[in-house]
Protein backbone atom coordinates (compact mmCIF):
# COMPACT_ATOMS: atom_id res chain seq x y z
CA MET A 1 2.82 -2.90 -31.42
CA ARG A 2 3.30 0.65 -30.23
CA VAL A 3 2.35 1.08 -26.43
CA THR A 4 -0.37 3.00 -27.26
CA ASP A 5 -2.04 1.99 -30.54
CA THR A 6 -5.70 1.60 -28.51
CA PHE A 7 -5.07 4.74 -26.55
CA GLU A 8 -5.83 7.78 -27.71
CA PRO A 9 -5.07 10.42 -27.27
CA ALA A 10 -1.45 10.97 -26.60
CA VAL A 11 -0.68 9.60 -22.80
CA HIS A 12 1.37 13.21 -20.59
CA ALA A 13 4.32 12.34 -18.31
CA ALA A 14 5.91 13.22 -15.62
CA ILE A 15 9.36 12.55 -14.54
CA VAL A 16 10.64 13.02 -11.09
CA ASP A 17 13.88 11.90 -10.11
CA ASP A 18 17.30 14.32 -7.59
CA GLU A 19 20.04 12.67 -10.47
CA GLN A 20 19.05 14.69 -13.45
CA TYR A 21 21.40 11.90 -15.30
CA CYS A 22 18.54 9.71 -14.71
CA ILE A 23 16.05 12.53 -15.58
CA GLU A 24 17.05 12.60 -19.07
CA GLU A 25 18.08 8.62 -20.06
CA LEU A 26 14.74 8.33 -19.38
CA LYS A 27 13.04 10.99 -21.70
CA ALA A 28 15.47 10.02 -24.12
CA MET A 29 13.73 6.82 -23.61
CA LEU A 30 10.05 7.62 -24.25
CA SER A 31 11.19 10.24 -26.31
CA GLY A 32 11.41 6.73 -29.35
CA ILE A 33 7.61 6.03 -27.88
CA HIS A 34 4.77 7.86 -29.58
CA GLY A 35 1.63 8.35 -27.81
CA ILE A 36 3.79 10.26 -24.99
CA GLU A 37 5.11 13.24 -24.15
CA VAL A 38 7.32 14.93 -20.74
CA VAL A 39 5.22 17.55 -19.90
CA ALA A 40 7.32 18.36 -16.73
CA GLU A 41 9.78 16.79 -14.81
CA SER A 42 11.71 17.61 -10.91
CA HIS A 43 14.90 16.87 -9.06
CA ASP A 44 14.34 18.24 -6.21
CA ALA A 45 11.07 16.59 -4.83
CA VAL A 46 9.52 19.49 -2.67
CA LYS A 47 9.69 20.59 -5.59
CA ALA A 48 7.49 18.23 -7.16
CA VAL A 49 3.90 17.92 -6.29
CA PRO A 50 3.35 21.97 -7.36
CA ILE A 51 4.84 21.74 -10.40
CA ILE A 52 2.84 17.56 -11.08
CA LEU A 53 -0.51 20.27 -10.21
CA GLU A 54 -0.10 22.39 -12.25
CA THR A 55 0.42 19.96 -15.47
CA LYS A 56 -1.34 17.52 -14.90
CA PRO A 57 -0.07 14.52 -16.08
CA ASP A 58 -1.72 10.69 -16.84
CA LEU A 59 1.67 8.90 -15.97
CA LEU A 60 4.10 9.52 -13.35
CA LEU A 61 7.73 8.16 -13.21
CA LEU A 62 8.64 8.11 -10.04
CA ASP A 63 11.99 7.60 -8.21
CA ILE A 64 11.60 6.58 -4.47
CA GLN A 65 14.54 7.28 -2.37
CA MET A 66 14.92 11.88 -2.47
CA PRO A 67 16.48 14.35 -0.20
CA GLU A 68 14.29 15.80 1.76
CA LYS A 69 10.78 13.94 1.03
CA SER A 70 10.77 10.25 -0.16
CA GLY A 71 8.15 9.71 -3.47
CA PHE A 72 5.66 8.57 -1.18
CA ASP A 73 5.89 11.66 0.16
CA VAL A 74 5.32 12.88 -3.41
CA ILE A 75 2.33 10.40 -3.52
CA ARG A 76 1.07 11.97 -0.08
CA GLY A 77 0.98 15.55 -1.13
CA LEU A 78 -0.69 14.55 -4.41
CA LYS A 79 -3.24 12.14 -2.82
CA GLU A 80 -3.55 15.06 -0.07
CA SER A 81 -3.97 18.05 -2.77
CA GLY A 82 -7.15 15.45 -4.98
CA PHE A 83 -5.11 14.21 -8.15
CA GLU A 84 -4.02 10.64 -8.12
CA PRO A 85 -1.54 10.29 -11.64
CA SER A 86 -1.24 6.96 -12.48
CA VAL A 87 2.29 6.52 -11.11
CA ILE A 88 5.68 3.85 -12.58
CA PHE A 89 8.73 3.84 -10.02
CA VAL A 90 11.72 4.26 -11.41
CA THR A 91 13.68 2.79 -8.63
CA ALA A 92 16.97 0.82 -7.02
CA TYR A 93 14.33 0.07 -3.48
CA ASP A 94 15.25 -2.89 -1.61
CA ASN A 95 12.17 -5.78 -1.73
CA PHE A 96 10.72 -5.33 0.69
CA ALA A 97 9.23 -1.45 -0.53
CA ILE A 98 9.00 -3.79 -4.02
CA GLU A 99 6.34 -6.62 -2.69
CA ALA A 100 4.59 -3.45 -1.40
CA ILE A 101 4.57 -1.57 -4.46
CA LYS A 102 3.64 -4.87 -5.64
CA ASN A 103 1.15 -5.19 -3.49
CA ALA A 104 -0.71 -1.95 -4.08
CA ALA A 105 -0.93 -3.43 -7.07
CA PHE A 106 1.51 -0.30 -8.92
CA ASP A 107 3.98 -0.33 -11.11
CA TYR A 108 8.20 -0.07 -10.89
CA LEU A 109 10.77 -0.51 -12.85
CA LEU A 110 14.11 -1.17 -11.47
CA LYS A 111 17.41 0.94 -12.18
CA PRO A 112 18.93 0.67 -14.90
CA VAL A 113 16.65 1.65 -15.99
CA ASP A 114 15.78 -0.81 -19.94
CA LYS A 115 13.84 0.33 -22.68
CA GLU A 116 12.49 -3.03 -23.48
CA ALA A 117 11.11 -2.74 -19.83
CA LEU A 118 9.93 -0.06 -20.16
CA GLN A 119 7.25 0.35 -23.31
CA HIS A 120 6.37 -3.80 -20.99
CA SER A 121 5.72 -1.30 -18.24
CA LEU A 122 3.30 1.44 -20.37
CA SER A 123 1.57 -1.19 -22.59
CA ARG A 124 1.15 -2.60 -18.38
CA TYR A 125 -0.34 0.77 -18.42
CA PHE A 126 -2.40 0.94 -21.26
CA TYR A 127 -3.77 -2.38 -20.86
CA ASN A 128 -4.31 -2.93 -17.33
CA HIS A 129 -4.07 0.79 -15.42
CA ALA A 130 -5.50 3.89 -17.30
CA LYS A 131 -9.10 2.24 -16.30
CA GLU A 132 -8.70 1.63 -12.80
CA GLU A 133 -9.53 2.88 -9.29
CA ARG A 134 -6.38 4.74 -8.44
CA SER A 135 -7.65 6.21 -4.63
CA ALA A 136 -7.71 2.35 -2.88
CA LYS A 137 -4.23 2.61 -4.26
CA TYR A 138 -2.59 5.07 -3.26
CA MET A 139 -3.53 3.75 0.74
CA SER A 140 -2.34 0.63 0.21
CA LEU A 141 1.10 1.61 -1.22
CA LEU A 142 1.62 4.06 1.79
CA GLU A 143 0.24 1.99 4.52
CA ASN A 144 2.03 -1.35 3.39
CA VAL A 145 5.64 0.35 2.64
CA ASP A 146 7.48 -1.55 5.31
CA TYR A 147 9.91 -0.54 8.04
CA LYS A 148 12.07 -2.66 7.15
CA LYS A 149 12.87 -0.25 4.04
CA LYS A 150 17.09 1.03 2.28
CA ILE A 151 16.87 4.26 3.32
CA LYS A 152 19.67 6.40 0.77
CA LEU A 153 22.00 9.07 2.95
CA SER A 154 24.73 10.58 1.76
CA ASN A 155 28.47 11.23 1.72
CA SER A 156 31.27 12.71 0.93
CA GLY A 157 32.01 9.83 -2.09
CA GLY A 158 28.31 9.20 -2.92
CA PHE A 159 26.00 7.73 -0.77
CA ILE A 160 25.00 4.84 1.73
CA LEU A 161 21.90 2.51 1.84
CA LEU A 162 21.05 1.36 4.64
CA ASN A 163 18.08 -0.55 6.78
CA LEU A 164 16.44 2.05 8.64
CA GLU A 165 15.99 -0.09 11.82
CA ASP A 166 19.54 -0.24 12.32
CA ILE A 167 19.49 2.85 12.58
CA VAL A 168 20.32 3.47 17.09
CA HIS A 169 20.04 6.87 16.81
CA ILE A 170 21.73 10.58 14.75
CA GLN A 171 24.03 13.10 16.06
CA ALA A 172 24.18 16.27 14.68
CA ASP A 173 27.73 16.95 14.15
CA TRP A 174 28.22 21.09 12.30
CA ASN A 175 26.67 20.55 9.22
CA TYR A 176 27.31 16.52 8.35
CA SER A 177 25.35 14.42 11.17
CA LYS A 178 26.79 10.73 12.67
CA VAL A 179 23.84 7.69 12.18
CA TYR A 180 24.88 4.93 15.01
CA THR A 181 24.42 2.11 13.93
CA ALA A 182 25.61 0.13 17.75
CA LYS A 183 27.55 2.42 20.14
CA ASP A 184 30.54 2.39 18.62
CA GLN A 185 29.81 2.53 14.58
CA TYR A 186 28.83 5.08 12.52
CA GLN A 187 28.46 6.68 9.54
CA THR A 188 29.33 10.34 8.44
CA VAL A 189 26.54 12.32 6.53
CA THR A 190 26.50 14.84 4.04
CA MET A 191 23.82 15.86 5.41
CA ASN A 192 22.66 18.91 8.37
CA LEU A 193 20.08 16.94 10.79
CA GLY A 194 17.56 19.09 9.74
CA MET A 195 17.55 17.60 6.64
CA LEU A 196 17.61 14.00 7.51
CA GLU A 197 14.38 14.78 9.97
CA ASN A 198 11.93 15.22 7.54
CA THR A 199 13.82 12.65 5.60
CA LEU A 200 12.88 9.82 8.38
CA PRO A 201 9.57 8.31 8.29
CA GLU A 202 8.10 10.10 11.21
CA LYS A 203 6.59 7.02 12.42
CA GLY A 204 10.24 5.94 13.04
CA PHE A 205 12.16 8.71 14.54
CA MET A 206 12.05 12.06 16.04
CA ARG A 207 14.23 14.67 17.03
CA ILE A 208 14.07 14.88 20.79
CA ASN A 209 17.04 18.04 20.85
CA ARG A 210 19.13 19.95 18.41
CA SER A 211 21.70 17.88 18.25
CA HIS A 212 19.54 14.16 18.45
CA ILE A 213 16.70 12.04 16.54
CA ILE A 214 15.86 8.54 17.72
CA ASN A 215 14.71 4.59 16.86
CA LEU A 216 11.54 5.14 18.41
CA ASN A 217 11.79 1.33 19.07
CA TYR A 218 14.16 1.14 20.72
CA LEU A 219 12.89 3.47 23.27
CA THR A 220 12.75 1.53 26.64
CA ARG A 221 12.33 4.53 29.20
CA VAL A 222 11.76 8.32 30.23
CA ARG A 223 12.36 9.58 33.37
CA ARG A 224 10.81 13.21 33.71
CA LEU A 225 12.36 14.58 36.83
CA ALA A 226 16.22 14.14 35.11
CA ARG A 227 14.88 15.43 31.68
CA LYS A 228 16.48 11.78 30.55
CA CYS A 229 15.07 9.27 27.58
CA TYR A 230 16.98 5.74 27.16
CA LEU A 231 17.73 3.56 24.57
CA GLU A 232 17.99 -0.06 24.49
CA LYS A 233 20.31 -2.34 21.27
CA ASP A 234 21.78 -5.58 21.67
CA GLY A 235 21.92 -5.35 25.18
CA VAL A 236 23.79 -2.16 24.87
CA GLU A 237 21.52 1.07 26.45
CA TYR A 238 21.77 4.55 25.49
CA GLU A 239 21.11 7.97 27.35
CA PHE A 240 19.98 11.34 25.75
CA CYS A 241 18.70 14.84 27.12
CA ILE A 242 15.07 15.77 26.10
CA PRO A 243 13.58 19.16 26.99
CA ILE A 244 10.33 19.40 28.91
CA THR A 245 8.20 19.64 25.80
CA ARG A 246 9.98 17.24 24.18
CA ILE A 247 8.69 14.65 26.40
CA ARG A 248 4.85 16.32 26.93
CA GLU A 249 5.53 15.37 22.96
CA LEU A 250 7.08 11.43 22.73
CA GLU A 251 4.47 11.01 25.42
CA LYS A 252 1.50 12.03 23.13
CA ARG A 253 3.51 9.54 20.59
CA GLN A 254 3.54 6.69 22.33
């Protein structure tokens, strides 16, 4: 039976994934499914929201971990603009986020995507999600995404996956950055500090000067007169310079 036997007219779909080959694979799979028309695609999460708003798809197939902005950021941008399509996440994400997505009643596919799994997911969309109220699901999703999620960071050989809670601080290194997980342990990534600042969740991280982003969960004290802040993890203390304007901002966020 075709997935659209009880749903007419054709469903308009959009695909957002930072890797073009993933977009092409999904388009190829969808082209063989009657009643689905891909009307938009984007490999740039920053540009995705205006593209989606222009084409107004019924269904969005969305990657989660992308450079500069995540799939959750795309969801936020769409919600702020008053547009809430049904979403099927297509992701290699960890179990914490998958549970958050399931709890919010969104559907998801794990990479590499199997065509039969995609067909089943579309069937669930047609029969279970087409008439449901989506606004509450968007809020539930965004509120329940676990802080322990992994983040994908590009390096010279490809990319690495790190738990956010493992990152202590990040130091600028010209156009690259050093991501520290312990005092003398770091990974060099091919992303500058500005890109990382836009990628990391605002609730857990803050750029305190030109050269450093810190994990606020490890912040222990601030010395205003000395203009210093201190982190502590696993019994090791870290000291950073911080300008007074950033101290004030930090006070507002605590």
